[in-house]
Amino acid sequence: MEPRDRRGETPARPIAEADGTTPGRSPCTNHHAGHAPHWIQVFHSRSPDEEPPVIGRLLEASDDGTVVVSAGGRTYRLWNHEPRRLAATAAANDGEIALSYRWKLLRTRHESGWACFSVCAAEDGDRGLCAWHRD
C-alpha cells in the first residue's frame, strides 16, 4: 500500500521517468523559483493551515519556459525551466493542474502520486541559471 498524507492523498514528490512517455527530470539542483522544487516548499504547500491548491488547466507551455495556466478564474503567465516535461506530464491528465501560488508550486497527478514543478512569474527577471550550467 502506498503511503498517504493527512488528507488521505499520495504525497507530492518529483518524478523522473525514463520510459519515453514523460521526459526525465533534469539534473538541476537550483531551488530558486522556476527550477527544482525544494522538499520544504512541497511540504508547506500541503499543510492543513494553507489554502488548498487551486485546480486549473495548463493552456500553453513554450520552449522559452513560459507556462500559461488558468486556475480559480484567473490566467497566470508563469515560468519553469522544464516546460516540455511539465506539458507532457500534464497532458496525461488532460491538462489538469493544481496551483499553490503562494508557494510557487504547480503540480499534476501522476501514476505514482503528484509531479511537482516550481514556478515563478514569467516576467520575473531573477530566474537564475540551472545549477548544472554554473562553472
Protein backbone atom coordinates (compact mmCIF):
# COMPACT_ATOMS: atom_id res chain seq x y z
CA MET A 1 0.00 0.00 0.00
CA GLU A 2 1.32 3.43 -0.94
CA PRO A 3 1.86 5.95 1.92
CA ARG A 4 -0.79 8.65 2.31
CA ASP A 5 -0.69 12.16 3.76
CA ARG A 6 -3.12 13.57 6.35
CA ARG A 7 -5.69 14.24 3.65
CA GLY A 8 -5.55 10.63 2.50
CA GLU A 9 -3.72 11.53 -0.71
CA THR A 10 -0.46 10.16 -2.00
CA PRO A 11 2.37 12.52 -1.05
CA ALA A 12 3.68 15.06 -3.52
CA ARG A 13 7.06 14.20 -4.96
CA PRO A 14 9.01 14.95 -8.09
CA ILE A 15 9.15 12.24 -10.74
CA ALA A 16 11.93 11.11 -13.02
CA GLU A 17 10.62 8.74 -15.68
CA ALA A 18 12.95 7.25 -18.28
CA ASP A 19 10.31 5.24 -20.16
CA GLY A 20 9.95 7.68 -23.05
CA THR A 21 6.38 8.69 -22.17
CA THR A 22 7.42 11.54 -19.87
CA PRO A 23 10.71 13.36 -20.33
CA GLY A 24 13.07 12.65 -17.45
CA ARG A 25 13.78 15.25 -14.82
CA SER A 26 16.81 17.44 -15.37
CA PRO A 27 19.79 17.30 -13.00
CA CYS A 28 19.15 20.91 -11.88
CA THR A 29 19.61 21.44 -8.14
CA ASN A 30 18.89 25.19 -8.17
CA HIS A 31 15.97 25.75 -5.78
CA HIS A 32 15.11 29.27 -6.96
CA ALA A 33 11.51 29.65 -8.13
CA GLY A 34 11.05 28.05 -11.54
CA HIS A 35 13.74 25.43 -11.01
CA ALA A 36 13.80 22.28 -8.84
CA PRO A 37 11.13 22.25 -6.12
CA HIS A 38 12.55 22.05 -2.62
CA TRP A 39 11.03 19.49 -0.26
CA ILE A 40 10.23 22.22 2.29
CA GLN A 41 8.28 24.14 -0.39
CA VAL A 42 6.30 20.97 -1.22
CA PHE A 43 5.73 20.18 2.47
CA HIS A 44 4.45 23.65 3.37
CA SER A 45 2.20 23.86 0.31
CA ARG A 46 0.34 20.78 1.60
CA SER A 47 -0.03 22.00 5.20
CA PRO A 48 -3.61 21.96 6.52
CA ASP A 49 -3.00 25.59 7.62
CA GLU A 50 -2.53 26.68 3.99
CA GLU A 51 -5.11 27.42 1.35
CA PRO A 52 -5.62 24.30 -0.75
CA PRO A 53 -4.16 24.36 -4.27
CA VAL A 54 -6.46 25.81 -6.92
CA ILE A 55 -7.45 23.34 -9.64
CA GLY A 56 -6.95 24.57 -13.16
CA ARG A 57 -5.71 23.76 -16.66
CA LEU A 58 -2.44 24.08 -18.48
CA LEU A 59 -3.16 26.25 -21.52
CA GLU A 60 0.30 26.61 -23.03
CA ALA A 61 3.94 25.64 -22.44
CA SER A 62 6.56 27.30 -24.66
CA ASP A 63 10.17 26.30 -25.26
CA ASP A 64 11.32 29.56 -23.62
CA GLY A 65 9.85 28.28 -20.33
CA THR A 66 6.68 30.37 -20.38
CA VAL A 67 3.77 28.39 -18.98
CA VAL A 68 0.21 29.71 -19.13
CA VAL A 69 -2.38 28.23 -16.78
CA SER A 70 -5.96 29.02 -15.92
CA ALA A 71 -6.83 28.45 -12.26
CA GLY A 72 -9.52 29.86 -9.99
CA GLY A 73 -10.94 32.08 -12.72
CA ARG A 74 -7.58 33.75 -13.40
CA THR A 75 -4.92 33.29 -16.06
CA TYR A 76 -1.31 33.08 -14.88
CA ARG A 77 1.80 33.57 -17.04
CA LEU A 78 4.46 31.56 -15.27
CA TRP A 79 7.94 30.25 -16.00
CA ASN A 80 9.52 26.84 -15.44
CA HIS A 81 12.88 25.52 -16.62
CA GLU A 82 11.34 22.23 -17.87
CA PRO A 83 8.31 23.27 -19.94
CA ARG A 84 8.36 20.13 -22.12
CA ARG A 85 8.34 17.81 -19.12
CA LEU A 86 5.63 19.87 -17.45
CA ALA A 87 3.47 19.79 -20.60
CA ALA A 88 3.96 16.05 -21.14
CA THR A 89 3.10 15.25 -17.53
CA ALA A 90 0.00 17.49 -17.50
CA ALA A 91 -1.14 16.08 -20.87
CA ALA A 92 -1.52 12.68 -19.22
CA ASN A 93 -4.21 14.37 -17.03
CA ASP A 94 -5.96 16.19 -19.89
CA GLY A 95 -4.08 19.33 -18.84
CA GLU A 96 -5.39 19.41 -15.27
CA ILE A 97 -3.06 21.08 -12.77
CA ALA A 98 -3.20 22.34 -9.19
CA LEU A 99 -1.56 25.69 -8.40
CA SER A 100 -0.28 26.78 -4.97
CA TYR A 101 0.67 30.31 -5.97
CA ARG A 102 1.90 31.38 -2.52
CA TRP A 103 4.46 28.55 -2.58
CA LYS A 104 5.15 28.94 -6.33
CA LEU A 105 4.28 25.30 -6.91
CA LEU A 106 2.35 23.72 -9.75
CA ARG A 107 1.50 20.04 -9.55
CA THR A 108 -0.27 17.49 -11.69
CA ARG A 109 -1.36 13.92 -10.94
CA HIS A 110 0.95 11.11 -11.90
CA GLU A 111 0.55 7.36 -11.59
CA SER A 112 2.85 7.38 -8.56
CA GLY A 113 1.35 10.45 -6.85
CA TRP A 114 1.93 14.06 -7.81
CA ALA A 115 4.53 15.59 -10.11
CA CYS A 116 5.66 18.94 -8.69
CA PHE A 117 7.03 21.88 -10.64
CA SER A 118 8.39 25.08 -9.13
CA VAL A 119 7.17 28.18 -10.98
CA CYS A 120 7.67 31.94 -10.93
CA ALA A 121 6.04 34.85 -12.76
CA ALA A 122 7.06 34.81 -16.44
CA GLU A 123 8.13 38.44 -16.07
CA ASP A 124 10.45 37.65 -13.15
CA GLY A 125 13.91 38.61 -14.39
CA ASP A 126 15.76 36.98 -11.48
CA ARG A 127 15.34 33.34 -12.52
CA GLY A 128 18.98 32.30 -12.41
CA LEU A 129 20.62 29.52 -14.34
CA CYS A 130 20.10 25.84 -13.78
CA ALA A 131 22.74 24.55 -11.38
CA TRP A 132 24.50 22.39 -13.99
CA HIS A 133 25.16 25.49 -16.14
CA ARG A 134 27.34 27.10 -13.49
CA ASP A 135 31.12 26.93 -13.73
